[in-house]
Amino acid sequence: MGAQKALSIGVTPFIAIVMGTMTGVFGGLIRDVICREIPLVFKGELYATTCIIGSSFFCLAQYLDLSMTTSMLIGMMTTLLLRLMAIHWHWSLPVFSKPS
């Protein structure tokens, strides 16, 4: 939704991808804080990365002049599938830890 709104006001695809990522990440961050849990984005899980890729696919679909509905489905399904694959196969990014 963030990428769609950004493109609708005429920004570059790069800015739209950043806005789509921020929308996804901060929405989840707020959810986790309200639930008194450590935010997923701080645990090394593929969270922001999937938002970046999903927003990129959305912007690419819009560049190819696909309909808004098709573009949104492509972006959402890409993000969802990558997130589910990361959970299933335990993909994660390295996180900082205290030296032993």
PDB file of N, CA and C in Angstrom:
ATOM      1  N   MET A   1       0.827  -1.194   0.000  1.00  0.00           N
ATOM      2  CA  MET A   1       0.000   0.000   0.000  1.00  0.00           C
ATOM      3  C   MET A   1       0.871   1.257   0.000  1.00  0.00           C
ATOM      4  N   GLY A   2       1.998   1.206   0.719  1.00  0.00           N
ATOM      5  CA  GLY A   2       2.883   2.370   0.757  1.00  0.00           C
ATOM      6  C   GLY A   2       3.480   2.657  -0.606  1.00  0.00           C
ATOM      7  N   ALA A   3       3.878   1.604  -1.317  1.00  0.00           N
ATOM      8  CA  ALA A   3       4.449   1.789  -2.654  1.00  0.00           C
ATOM      9  C   ALA A   3       3.388   2.309  -3.624  1.00  0.00           C
ATOM     10  N   GLN A   4       2.180   1.796  -3.517  1.00  0.00           N
ATOM     11  CA  GLN A   4       1.091   2.237  -4.396  1.00  0.00           C
ATOM     12  C   GLN A   4       0.790   3.714  -4.178  1.00  0.00           C
ATOM     13  N   LYS A   5       0.710   4.128  -2.927  1.00  0.00           N
ATOM     14  CA  LYS A   5       0.418   5.531  -2.617  1.00  0.00           C
ATOM     15  C   LYS A   5       1.552   6.426  -3.116  1.00  0.00           C
ATOM     16  N   ALA A   6       2.786   5.983  -2.919  1.00  0.00           N
ATOM     17  CA  ALA A   6       3.934   6.785  -3.356  1.00  0.00           C
ATOM     18  C   ALA A   6       3.942   6.951  -4.875  1.00  0.00           C
ATOM     19  N   LEU A   7       3.699   5.865  -5.605  1.00  0.00           N
ATOM     20  CA  LEU A   7       3.666   5.969  -7.069  1.00  0.00           C
ATOM     21  C   LEU A   7       2.514   6.849  -7.538  1.00  0.00           C
ATOM     22  N   SER A   8       1.406   6.837  -6.800  1.00  0.00           N
ATOM     23  CA  SER A   8       0.247   7.631  -7.217  1.00  0.00           C
ATOM     24  C   SER A   8       0.502   9.133  -7.124  1.00  0.00           C
ATOM     25  N   ILE A   9       1.460   9.549  -6.294  1.00  0.00           N
ATOM     26  CA  ILE A   9       1.776  10.979  -6.216  1.00  0.00           C
ATOM     27  C   ILE A   9       2.980  11.347  -7.081  1.00  0.00           C
ATOM     28  N   GLY A  10       3.505  10.356  -7.838  1.00  0.00           N
ATOM     29  CA  GLY A  10       4.504  10.653  -8.850  1.00  0.00           C
ATOM     30  C   GLY A  10       5.964  10.579  -8.435  1.00  0.00           C
ATOM     31  N   VAL A  11       6.278   9.867  -7.355  1.00  0.00           N
ATOM     32  CA  VAL A  11       7.685   9.745  -6.969  1.00  0.00           C
ATOM     33  C   VAL A  11       8.360   8.663  -7.804  1.00  0.00           C
ATOM     34  N   THR A  12       9.682   8.573  -7.682  1.00  0.00           N
ATOM     35  CA  THR A  12      10.437   7.569  -8.431  1.00  0.00           C
ATOM     36  C   THR A  12      10.177   6.181  -7.848  1.00  0.00           C
ATOM     37  N   PRO A  13      10.404   5.135  -8.636  1.00  0.00           N
ATOM     38  CA  PRO A  13      10.222   3.774  -8.116  1.00  0.00           C
ATOM     39  C   PRO A  13      11.086   3.484  -6.886  1.00  0.00           C
ATOM     40  N   PHE A  14      12.285   4.016  -6.824  1.00  0.00           N
ATOM     41  CA  PHE A  14      13.140   3.793  -5.653  1.00  0.00           C
ATOM     42  C   PHE A  14      12.468   4.301  -4.380  1.00  0.00           C
ATOM     43  N   ILE A  15      11.941   5.512  -4.431  1.00  0.00           N
ATOM     44  CA  ILE A  15      11.252   6.080  -3.267  1.00  0.00           C
ATOM     45  C   ILE A  15      10.003   5.263  -2.948  1.00  0.00           C
ATOM     46  N   ALA A  16       9.301   4.788  -3.975  1.00  0.00           N
ATOM     47  CA  ALA A  16       8.107   3.963  -3.756  1.00  0.00           C
ATOM     48  C   ALA A  16       8.470   2.661  -3.050  1.00  0.00           C
ATOM     49  N   ILE A  17       9.593   2.049  -3.424  1.00  0.00           N
ATOM     50  CA  ILE A  17      10.050   0.818  -2.770  1.00  0.00           C
ATOM     51  C   ILE A  17      10.398   1.098  -1.310  1.00  0.00           C
ATOM     52  N   VAL A  18      11.070   2.213  -1.053  1.00  0.00           N
ATOM     53  CA  VAL A  18      11.402   2.592   0.330  1.00  0.00           C
ATOM     54  C   VAL A  18      10.123   2.801   1.132  1.00  0.00           C
ATOM     55  N   MET A  19       9.154   3.486   0.562  1.00  0.00           N
ATOM     56  CA  MET A  19       7.900   3.742   1.279  1.00  0.00           C
ATOM     57  C   MET A  19       7.113   2.443   1.512  1.00  0.00           C
ATOM     58  N   GLY A  20       7.108   1.544   0.537  1.00  0.00           N
ATOM     59  CA  GLY A  20       6.453   0.254   0.720  1.00  0.00           C
ATOM     60  C   GLY A  20       7.110  -0.564   1.822  1.00  0.00           C
ATOM     61  N   THR A  21       8.422  -0.518   1.869  1.00  0.00           N
ATOM     62  CA  THR A  21       9.163  -1.232   2.909  1.00  0.00           C
ATOM     63  C   THR A  21       8.876  -0.633   4.280  1.00  0.00           C
ATOM     64  N   MET A  22       8.895   0.684   4.366  1.00  0.00           N
ATOM     65  CA  MET A  22       8.623   1.336   5.645  1.00  0.00           C
ATOM     66  C   MET A  22       7.213   1.026   6.135  1.00  0.00           C
ATOM     67  N   THR A  23       6.249   1.017   5.229  1.00  0.00           N
ATOM     68  CA  THR A  23       4.869   0.708   5.602  1.00  0.00           C
ATOM     69  C   THR A  23       4.770  -0.696   6.194  1.00  0.00           C
ATOM     70  N   GLY A  24       5.376  -1.665   5.516  1.00  0.00           N
ATOM     71  CA  GLY A  24       5.318  -3.045   5.994  1.00  0.00           C
ATOM     72  C   GLY A  24       6.063  -3.256   7.300  1.00  0.00           C
ATOM     73  N   VAL A  25       7.273  -2.725   7.378  1.00  0.00           N
ATOM     74  CA  VAL A  25       8.113  -2.943   8.556  1.00  0.00           C
ATOM     75  C   VAL A  25       7.546  -2.234   9.779  1.00  0.00           C
ATOM     76  N   PHE A  26       7.186  -0.969   9.644  1.00  0.00           N
ATOM     77  CA  PHE A  26       6.705  -0.231  10.810  1.00  0.00           C
ATOM     78  C   PHE A  26       5.318  -0.676  11.252  1.00  0.00           C
ATOM     79  N   GLY A  27       4.511  -1.174  10.325  1.00  0.00           N
ATOM     80  CA  GLY A  27       3.224  -1.742  10.729  1.00  0.00           C
ATOM     81  C   GLY A  27       3.434  -2.958  11.622  1.00  0.00           C
ATOM     82  N   GLY A  28       4.358  -3.831  11.218  1.00  0.00           N
ATOM     83  CA  GLY A  28       4.673  -5.000  12.037  1.00  0.00           C
ATOM     84  C   GLY A  28       5.355  -4.628  13.339  1.00  0.00           C
ATOM     85  N   LEU A  29       6.192  -3.608  13.293  1.00  0.00           N
ATOM     86  CA  LEU A  29       6.883  -3.148  14.499  1.00  0.00           C
ATOM     87  C   LEU A  29       5.882  -2.629  15.527  1.00  0.00           C
ATOM     88  N   ILE A  30       4.938  -1.831  15.087  1.00  0.00           N
ATOM     89  CA  ILE A  30       3.914  -1.301  15.987  1.00  0.00           C
ATOM     90  C   ILE A  30       3.076  -2.446  16.561  1.00  0.00           C
ATOM     91  N   ARG A  31       2.723  -3.415  15.710  1.00  0.00           N
ATOM     92  CA  ARG A  31       1.951  -4.578  16.178  1.00  0.00           C
ATOM     93  C   ARG A  31       2.695  -5.310  17.296  1.00  0.00           C
ATOM     94  N   ASP A  32       4.002  -5.560  17.089  1.00  0.00           N
ATOM     95  CA  ASP A  32       4.781  -6.293  18.081  1.00  0.00           C
ATOM     96  C   ASP A  32       4.956  -5.504  19.377  1.00  0.00           C
ATOM     97  N   VAL A  33       5.153  -4.205  19.266  1.00  0.00           N
ATOM     98  CA  VAL A  33       5.298  -3.378  20.466  1.00  0.00           C
ATOM     99  C   VAL A  33       4.000  -3.366  21.273  1.00  0.00           C
ATOM    100  N   ILE A  34       2.871  -3.237  20.599  1.00  0.00           N
ATOM    101  CA  ILE A  34       1.579  -3.244  21.286  1.00  0.00           C
ATOM    102  C   ILE A  34       1.353  -4.591  21.978  1.00  0.00           C
ATOM    103  N   CYS A  35       1.822  -5.676  21.357  1.00  0.00           N
ATOM    104  CA  CYS A  35       1.670  -7.014  21.942  1.00  0.00           C
ATOM    105  C   CYS A  35       2.767  -7.335  22.957  1.00  0.00           C
ATOM    106  N   ARG A  36       3.642  -6.370  23.217  1.00  0.00           N
ATOM    107  CA  ARG A  36       4.743  -6.529  24.181  1.00  0.00           C
ATOM    108  C   ARG A  36       5.661  -7.683  23.808  1.00  0.00           C
ATOM    109  N   GLU A  37       5.997  -7.774  22.533  1.00  0.00           N
ATOM    110  CA  GLU A  37       6.917  -8.785  22.026  1.00  0.00           C
ATOM    111  C   GLU A  37       8.110  -8.091  21.395  1.00  0.00           C
ATOM    112  N   ILE A  38       9.217  -8.813  21.278  1.00  0.00           N
ATOM    113  CA  ILE A  38      10.378  -8.272  20.574  1.00  0.00           C
ATOM    114  C   ILE A  38      10.015  -8.228  19.087  1.00  0.00           C
ATOM    115  N   PRO A  39      10.151  -7.066  18.444  1.00  0.00           N
ATOM    116  CA  PRO A  39       9.779  -6.966  17.028  1.00  0.00           C
ATOM    117  C   PRO A  39      10.556  -7.951  16.157  1.00  0.00           C
ATOM    118  N   LEU A  40       9.848  -8.572  15.222  1.00  0.00           N
ATOM    119  CA  LEU A  40      10.459  -9.555  14.328  1.00  0.00           C
ATOM    120  C   LEU A  40      11.626  -8.982  13.543  1.00  0.00           C
ATOM    121  N   VAL A  41      11.540  -7.706  13.225  1.00  0.00           N
ATOM    122  CA  VAL A  41      12.584  -7.089  12.412  1.00  0.00           C
ATOM    123  C   VAL A  41      13.929  -7.060  13.160  1.00  0.00           C
ATOM    124  N   PHE A  42      13.898  -7.139  14.496  1.00  0.00           N
ATOM    125  CA  PHE A  42      15.124  -7.144  15.287  1.00  0.00           C
ATOM    126  C   PHE A  42      15.659  -8.548  15.543  1.00  0.00           C
ATOM    127  N   LYS A  43      14.939  -9.571  15.130  1.00  0.00           N
ATOM    128  CA  LYS A  43      15.339 -10.949  15.405  1.00  0.00           C
ATOM    129  C   LYS A  43      16.129 -11.594  14.271  1.00  0.00           C
ATOM    130  N   GLY A  44      16.359 -10.885  13.189  1.00  0.00           N
ATOM    131  CA  GLY A  44      17.116 -11.444  12.070  1.00  0.00           C
ATOM    132  C   GLY A  44      16.264 -12.169  11.049  1.00  0.00           C
ATOM    133  N   GLU A  45      14.946 -12.215  11.269  1.00  0.00           N
ATOM    134  CA  GLU A  45      14.088 -12.881  10.299  1.00  0.00           C
ATOM    135  C   GLU A  45      13.993 -12.048   9.023  1.00  0.00           C
ATOM    136  N   LEU A  46      13.711 -12.725   7.912  1.00  0.00           N
ATOM    137  CA  LEU A  46      13.541 -12.015   6.650  1.00  0.00           C
ATOM    138  C   LEU A  46      12.196 -11.304   6.677  1.00  0.00           C
ATOM    139  N   TYR A  47      12.229 -10.071   7.070  1.00  0.00           N
ATOM    140  CA  TYR A  47      10.996  -9.290   7.211  1.00  0.00           C
ATOM    141  C   TYR A  47      11.088  -8.084   6.294  1.00  0.00           C
ATOM    142  N   ALA A  48      12.051  -7.226   6.526  1.00  0.00           N
ATOM    143  CA  ALA A  48      12.232  -6.044   5.678  1.00  0.00           C
ATOM    144  C   ALA A  48      12.658  -6.452   4.266  1.00  0.00           C
ATOM    145  N   THR A  49      13.479  -7.495   4.172  1.00  0.00           N
ATOM    146  CA  THR A  49      13.952  -7.945   2.859  1.00  0.00           C
ATOM    147  C   THR A  49      12.792  -8.386   1.979  1.00  0.00           C
ATOM    148  N   THR A  50      11.841  -9.100   2.563  1.00  0.00           N
ATOM    149  CA  THR A  50      10.690  -9.531   1.766  1.00  0.00           C
ATOM    150  C   THR A  50       9.835  -8.337   1.348  1.00  0.00           C
ATOM    151  N   CYS A  51       9.760  -7.316   2.197  1.00  0.00           N
ATOM    152  CA  CYS A  51       9.023  -6.097   1.836  1.00  0.00           C
ATOM    153  C   CYS A  51       9.699  -5.366   0.678  1.00  0.00           C
ATOM    154  N   ILE A  52      11.032  -5.326   0.695  1.00  0.00           N
ATOM    155  CA  ILE A  52      11.779  -4.682  -0.393  1.00  0.00           C
ATOM    156  C   ILE A  52      11.512  -5.405  -1.712  1.00  0.00           C
ATOM    157  N   ILE A  53      11.585  -6.732  -1.686  1.00  0.00           N
ATOM    158  CA  ILE A  53      11.383  -7.506  -2.911  1.00  0.00           C
ATOM    159  C   ILE A  53       9.936  -7.396  -3.390  1.00  0.00           C
ATOM    160  N   GLY A  54       8.979  -7.485  -2.471  1.00  0.00           N
ATOM    161  CA  GLY A  54       7.569  -7.365  -2.855  1.00  0.00           C
ATOM    162  C   GLY A  54       7.243  -5.997  -3.438  1.00  0.00           C
ATOM    163  N   SER A  55       7.782  -4.940  -2.823  1.00  0.00           N
ATOM    164  CA  SER A  55       7.572  -3.581  -3.349  1.00  0.00           C
ATOM    165  C   SER A  55       8.217  -3.419  -4.716  1.00  0.00           C
ATOM    166  N   SER A  56       9.372  -4.050  -4.896  1.00  0.00           N
ATOM    167  CA  SER A  56      10.059  -3.991  -6.198  1.00  0.00           C
ATOM    168  C   SER A  56       9.231  -4.657  -7.283  1.00  0.00           C
ATOM    169  N   PHE A  57       8.650  -5.811  -6.956  1.00  0.00           N
ATOM    170  CA  PHE A  57       7.803  -6.500  -7.935  1.00  0.00           C
ATOM    171  C   PHE A  57       6.556  -5.677  -8.248  1.00  0.00           C
ATOM    172  N   PHE A  58       5.991  -5.028  -7.231  1.00  0.00           N
ATOM    173  CA  PHE A  58       4.839  -4.164  -7.469  1.00  0.00           C
ATOM    174  C   PHE A  58       5.204  -3.032  -8.430  1.00  0.00           C
ATOM    175  N   CYS A  59       6.324  -2.364  -8.169  1.00  0.00           N
ATOM    176  CA  CYS A  59       6.759  -1.257  -9.026  1.00  0.00           C
ATOM    177  C   CYS A  59       7.067  -1.736 -10.443  1.00  0.00           C
ATOM    178  N   LEU A  60       7.667  -2.922 -10.565  1.00  0.00           N
ATOM    179  CA  LEU A  60       7.944  -3.480 -11.882  1.00  0.00           C
ATOM    180  C   LEU A  60       6.637  -3.758 -12.629  1.00  0.00           C
ATOM    181  N   ALA A  61       5.663  -4.306 -11.947  1.00  0.00           N
ATOM    182  CA  ALA A  61       4.358  -4.581 -12.580  1.00  0.00           C
ATOM    183  C   ALA A  61       3.702  -3.284 -13.035  1.00  0.00           C
ATOM    184  N   GLN A  62       3.811  -2.230 -12.232  1.00  0.00           N
ATOM    185  CA  GLN A  62       3.250  -0.932 -12.629  1.00  0.00           C
ATOM    186  C   GLN A  62       4.003  -0.359 -13.830  1.00  0.00           C
ATOM    187  N   TYR A  63       5.330  -0.533 -13.856  1.00  0.00           N
ATOM    188  CA  TYR A  63       6.143  -0.070 -14.981  1.00  0.00           C
ATOM    189  C   TYR A  63       5.728  -0.779 -16.268  1.00  0.00           C
ATOM    190  N   LEU A  64       5.343  -2.051 -16.140  1.00  0.00           N
ATOM    191  CA  LEU A  64       4.909  -2.830 -17.303  1.00  0.00           C
ATOM    192  C   LEU A  64       3.449  -2.562 -17.662  1.00  0.00           C
ATOM    193  N   ASP A  65       2.829  -1.572 -17.020  1.00  0.00           N
ATOM    194  CA  ASP A  65       1.449  -1.156 -17.273  1.00  0.00           C
ATOM    195  C   ASP A  65       0.415  -2.249 -17.005  1.00  0.00           C
ATOM    196  N   LEU A  66       0.663  -3.078 -15.992  1.00  0.00           N
ATOM    197  CA  LEU A  66      -0.355  -4.039 -15.580  1.00  0.00           C
ATOM    198  C   LEU A  66      -1.393  -3.291 -14.749  1.00  0.00           C
ATOM    199  N   SER A  67      -2.552  -3.867 -14.604  1.00  0.00           N
ATOM    200  CA  SER A  67      -3.606  -3.207 -13.840  1.00  0.00           C
ATOM    201  C   SER A  67      -3.182  -3.078 -12.377  1.00  0.00           C
ATOM    202  N   MET A  68      -3.834  -2.156 -11.667  1.00  0.00           N
ATOM    203  CA  MET A  68      -3.501  -1.947 -10.258  1.00  0.00           C
ATOM    204  C   MET A  68      -3.772  -3.211  -9.450  1.00  0.00           C
ATOM    205  N   THR A  69      -4.885  -3.874  -9.725  1.00  0.00           N
ATOM    206  CA  THR A  69      -5.216  -5.096  -8.994  1.00  0.00           C
ATOM    207  C   THR A  69      -4.164  -6.174  -9.218  1.00  0.00           C
ATOM    208  N   THR A  70      -3.764  -6.365 -10.466  1.00  0.00           N
ATOM    209  CA  THR A  70      -2.739  -7.360 -10.784  1.00  0.00           C
ATOM    210  C   THR A  70      -1.416  -7.001 -10.128  1.00  0.00           C
ATOM    211  N   SER A  71      -1.041  -5.736 -10.196  1.00  0.00           N
ATOM    212  CA  SER A  71       0.215  -5.289  -9.589  1.00  0.00           C
ATOM    213  C   SER A  71       0.222  -5.514  -8.083  1.00  0.00           C
ATOM    214  N   MET A  72      -0.914  -5.195  -7.436  1.00  0.00           N
ATOM    215  CA  MET A  72      -1.007  -5.385  -5.984  1.00  0.00           C
ATOM    216  C   MET A  72      -0.936  -6.869  -5.634  1.00  0.00           C
ATOM    217  N   LEU A  73      -1.608  -7.704  -6.405  1.00  0.00           N
ATOM    218  CA  LEU A  73      -1.551  -9.142  -6.150  1.00  0.00           C
ATOM    219  C   LEU A  73      -0.132  -9.678  -6.321  1.00  0.00           C
ATOM    220  N   ILE A  74       0.562  -9.220  -7.347  1.00  0.00           N
ATOM    221  CA  ILE A  74       1.937  -9.662  -7.574  1.00  0.00           C
ATOM    222  C   ILE A  74       2.821  -9.252  -6.392  1.00  0.00           C
ATOM    223  N   GLY A  75       2.712  -8.015  -5.961  1.00  0.00           N
ATOM    224  CA  GLY A  75       3.523  -7.536  -4.838  1.00  0.00           C
ATOM    225  C   GLY A  75       3.202  -8.260  -3.547  1.00  0.00           C
ATOM    226  N   MET A  76       1.915  -8.416  -3.243  1.00  0.00           N
ATOM    227  CA  MET A  76       1.513  -9.081  -1.996  1.00  0.00           C
ATOM    228  C   MET A  76       1.867 -10.558  -1.995  1.00  0.00           C
ATOM    229  N   MET A  77       1.641 -11.234  -3.114  1.00  0.00           N
ATOM    230  CA  MET A  77       1.940 -12.669  -3.172  1.00  0.00           C
ATOM    231  C   MET A  77       3.445 -12.922  -3.117  1.00  0.00           C
ATOM    232  N   THR A  78       4.235 -12.053  -3.749  1.00  0.00           N
ATOM    233  CA  THR A  78       5.686 -12.195  -3.679  1.00  0.00           C
ATOM    234  C   THR A  78       6.153 -12.065  -2.234  1.00  0.00           C
ATOM    235  N   THR A  79       5.661 -11.036  -1.552  1.00  0.00           N
ATOM    236  CA  THR A  79       6.038 -10.820  -0.158  1.00  0.00           C
ATOM    237  C   THR A  79       5.599 -11.991   0.707  1.00  0.00           C
ATOM    238  N   LEU A  80       4.359 -12.421   0.557  1.00  0.00           N
ATOM    239  CA  LEU A  80       3.826 -13.513   1.362  1.00  0.00           C
ATOM    240  C   LEU A  80       4.590 -14.815   1.125  1.00  0.00           C
ATOM    241  N   LEU A  81       4.799 -15.161  -0.139  1.00  0.00           N
ATOM    242  CA  LEU A  81       5.490 -16.414  -0.441  1.00  0.00           C
ATOM    243  C   LEU A  81       6.924 -16.412   0.080  1.00  0.00           C
ATOM    244  N   LEU A  82       7.631 -15.305  -0.096  1.00  0.00           N
ATOM    245  CA  LEU A  82       9.004 -15.234   0.432  1.00  0.00           C
ATOM    246  C   LEU A  82       9.016 -15.349   1.947  1.00  0.00           C
ATOM    247  N   ARG A  83       8.066 -14.694   2.603  1.00  0.00           N
ATOM    248  CA  ARG A  83       7.988 -14.747   4.063  1.00  0.00           C
ATOM    249  C   ARG A  83       7.681 -16.163   4.538  1.00  0.00           C
ATOM    250  N   LEU A  84       6.732 -16.834   3.877  1.00  0.00           N
ATOM    251  CA  LEU A  84       6.405 -18.209   4.247  1.00  0.00           C
ATOM    252  C   LEU A  84       7.568 -19.162   3.982  1.00  0.00           C
ATOM    253  N   MET A  85       8.287 -18.965   2.879  1.00  0.00           N
ATOM    254  CA  MET A  85       9.453 -19.795   2.590  1.00  0.00           C
ATOM    255  C   MET A  85      10.547 -19.569   3.639  1.00  0.00           C
ATOM    256  N   ALA A  86      10.735 -18.326   4.055  1.00  0.00           N
ATOM    257  CA  ALA A  86      11.737 -18.020   5.079  1.00  0.00           C
ATOM    258  C   ALA A  86      11.383 -18.682   6.401  1.00  0.00           C
ATOM    259  N   ILE A  87      10.099 -18.684   6.749  1.00  0.00           N
ATOM    260  CA  ILE A  87       9.677 -19.336   7.986  1.00  0.00           C
ATOM    261  C   ILE A  87       9.862 -20.849   7.884  1.00  0.00           C
ATOM    262  N   HIS A  88       9.445 -21.417   6.766  1.00  0.00           N
ATOM    263  CA  HIS A  88       9.510 -22.871   6.589  1.00  0.00           C
ATOM    264  C   HIS A  88      10.944 -23.381   6.583  1.00  0.00           C
ATOM    265  N   TRP A  89      11.831 -22.710   5.851  1.00  0.00           N
ATOM    266  CA  TRP A  89      13.210 -23.181   5.722  1.00  0.00           C
ATOM    267  C   TRP A  89      14.179 -22.477   6.677  1.00  0.00           C
ATOM    268  N   HIS A  90      13.646 -21.729   7.623  1.00  0.00           N
ATOM    269  CA  HIS A  90      14.455 -21.054   8.652  1.00  0.00           C
ATOM    270  C   HIS A  90      15.530 -20.151   8.060  1.00  0.00           C
ATOM    271  N   TRP A  91      15.165 -19.415   7.022  1.00  0.00           N
ATOM    272  CA  TRP A  91      16.087 -18.435   6.456  1.00  0.00           C
ATOM    273  C   TRP A  91      16.132 -17.235   7.382  1.00  0.00           C
ATOM    274  N   SER A  92      17.303 -16.690   7.576  1.00  0.00           N
ATOM    275  CA  SER A  92      17.418 -15.484   8.404  1.00  0.00           C
ATOM    276  C   SER A  92      18.661 -14.713   7.995  1.00  0.00           C
ATOM    277  N   LEU A  93      18.714 -13.489   8.457  1.00  0.00           N
ATOM    278  CA  LEU A  93      19.881 -12.646   8.232  1.00  0.00           C
ATOM    279  C   LEU A  93      20.748 -12.666   9.480  1.00  0.00           C
ATOM    280  N   PRO A  94      22.050 -12.424   9.329  1.00  0.00           N
ATOM    281  CA  PRO A  94      22.893 -12.384  10.530  1.00  0.00           C
ATOM    282  C   PRO A  94      22.496 -11.209  11.432  1.00  0.00           C
ATOM    283  N   VAL A  95      22.586 -11.421  12.734  1.00  0.00           N
ATOM    284  CA  VAL A  95      22.277 -10.368  13.700  1.00  0.00           C
ATOM    285  C   VAL A  95      23.508 -10.119  14.564  1.00  0.00           C
ATOM    286  N   PHE A  96      23.566  -8.925  15.120  1.00  0.00           N
ATOM    287  CA  PHE A  96      24.648  -8.591  16.015  1.00  0.00           C
ATOM    288  C   PHE A  96      24.468  -9.329  17.335  1.00  0.00           C
ATOM    289  N   SER A  97      25.558  -9.801  17.881  1.00  0.00           N
ATOM    290  CA  SER A  97      25.497 -10.439  19.189  1.00  0.00           C
ATOM    291  C   SER A  97      26.689  -9.987  20.012  1.00  0.00           C
ATOM    292  N   LYS A  98      26.577 -10.152  21.308  1.00  0.00           N
ATOM    293  CA  LYS A  98      27.661  -9.753  22.192  1.00  0.00           C
ATOM    294  C   LYS A  98      28.843 -10.698  21.997  1.00  0.00           C
ATOM    295  N   PRO A  99      30.061 -10.152  21.985  1.00  0.00           N
ATOM    296  CA  PRO A  99      31.217 -11.050  21.876  1.00  0.00           C
ATOM    297  C   PRO A  99      31.327 -11.939  23.114  1.00  0.00           C
ATOM    298  N   SER A 100      31.743 -13.163  22.907  1.00  0.00           N
ATOM    299  CA  SER A 100      31.816 -14.087  24.045  1.00  0.00           C
ATOM    300  C   SER A 100      33.109 -13.961  24.830  1.00  0.00           C
TER     301      SER A 100
END
